[in-house]
Amino acid sequence: MEINQQKLVKVDAKTIKLHVKVTDRFNGELIDAQGETIFDFQDTYVPDFFPGQHYGDYVILDIDIDTGMITNWKTPTAEQIEEAIKED
């Protein structure tokens, strides 16, 4: 005879994938080594150097649950950051 029954099973959860829609409302700060604001992004598109196919409207981050590290981040070049500042 088959019956419906739920069983708890342990799983190894590894990553939280975030897709946050900001639609032209991205805010962020570029901070220098002394903690001072170099540039303040206000109500703009997500900069192109952010990971994923975000089309300027999404922040897409993969976060390792154990370490809290963002695993899909690629270090942007100075030129990419300069371009993002110019575009804003």
Protein backbone atom coordinates (compact mmCIF):
# COMPACT_ATOMS: atom_id res chain seq x y z
CA MET A 1 0.00 0.00 0.00
CA GLU A 2 1.36 3.45 -0.87
CA ILE A 3 0.69 6.36 1.44
CA ASN A 4 1.77 10.00 1.30
CA GLN A 5 4.40 10.79 3.88
CA GLN A 6 6.99 13.55 4.19
CA LYS A 7 10.53 12.77 5.26
CA LEU A 8 13.17 15.27 6.31
CA VAL A 9 16.35 14.84 4.34
CA LYS A 10 19.62 16.69 4.98
CA VAL A 11 20.97 18.62 2.01
CA ASP A 12 24.19 20.55 1.56
CA ALA A 13 22.98 24.07 0.75
CA LYS A 14 25.82 25.99 -0.89
CA THR A 15 24.76 29.14 -2.72
CA ILE A 16 22.16 31.88 -2.52
CA LYS A 17 21.49 33.38 -5.95
CA LEU A 18 20.15 36.92 -5.81
CA HIS A 19 18.43 38.65 -8.71
CA VAL A 20 17.34 42.06 -7.44
CA LYS A 21 15.46 44.33 -9.83
CA VAL A 22 16.50 47.95 -9.36
CA THR A 23 15.22 49.40 -12.67
CA ASP A 24 17.11 52.67 -13.02
CA ARG A 25 17.24 53.03 -9.22
CA PHE A 26 20.72 51.65 -8.54
CA ASN A 27 22.47 53.45 -5.68
CA GLY A 28 26.00 52.80 -4.49
CA GLU A 29 29.22 54.45 -3.44
CA LEU A 30 32.79 54.07 -4.62
CA ILE A 31 34.95 54.36 -1.47
CA ASP A 32 38.69 55.03 -1.26
CA ALA A 33 41.23 53.35 1.07
CA GLN A 34 40.59 55.99 3.76
CA GLY A 35 36.84 55.37 3.73
CA GLU A 36 36.01 58.56 1.83
CA THR A 37 33.41 58.61 -0.95
CA ILE A 38 35.01 59.01 -4.38
CA PHE A 39 31.77 58.74 -6.32
CA ASP A 40 28.11 58.36 -5.41
CA PHE A 41 25.90 56.45 -7.85
CA GLN A 42 22.36 57.83 -7.52
CA ASP A 43 19.23 56.43 -9.22
CA THR A 44 21.12 55.09 -12.22
CA TYR A 45 21.56 51.87 -14.19
CA VAL A 46 23.54 48.99 -12.71
CA PRO A 47 27.13 49.53 -13.92
CA ASP A 48 28.25 47.28 -16.78
CA PHE A 49 31.07 45.73 -14.74
CA PHE A 50 28.58 44.01 -12.40
CA PRO A 51 28.18 40.26 -13.03
CA GLY A 52 25.45 38.59 -15.03
CA GLN A 53 23.15 39.56 -17.87
CA HIS A 54 21.64 42.41 -15.88
CA TYR A 55 20.67 44.77 -18.73
CA GLY A 56 21.30 47.66 -16.32
CA ASP A 57 18.20 46.74 -14.30
CA TYR A 58 19.28 43.87 -12.02
CA VAL A 59 21.92 43.20 -9.40
CA ILE A 60 22.79 39.51 -9.86
CA LEU A 61 25.02 38.00 -7.17
CA ASP A 62 25.83 34.41 -6.22
CA ILE A 63 26.74 34.23 -2.52
CA ASP A 64 28.50 31.26 -0.93
CA ILE A 65 26.50 30.43 2.20
CA ASP A 66 29.52 29.20 4.19
CA THR A 67 31.87 32.10 3.52
CA GLY A 68 29.58 34.98 2.56
CA MET A 69 31.78 35.54 -0.49
CA ILE A 70 30.29 36.67 -3.79
CA THR A 71 31.36 33.90 -6.15
CA ASN A 72 30.43 35.41 -9.52
CA TRP A 73 32.28 38.73 -9.02
CA LYS A 74 34.98 39.52 -11.55
CA THR A 75 37.40 42.30 -10.61
CA PRO A 76 36.61 45.30 -12.82
CA THR A 77 39.34 47.19 -14.61
CA ALA A 78 40.10 50.82 -13.83
CA GLU A 79 38.71 51.66 -17.27
CA GLN A 80 35.39 49.94 -16.50
CA ILE A 81 34.98 51.91 -13.28
CA GLU A 82 35.95 55.17 -14.99
CA GLU A 83 33.40 54.47 -17.73
CA ALA A 84 30.66 53.81 -15.16
CA ILE A 85 31.41 57.13 -13.48
CA LYS A 86 31.33 58.95 -16.84
CA GLU A 87 28.02 57.35 -17.84
CA ASP A 88 26.35 58.41 -14.60
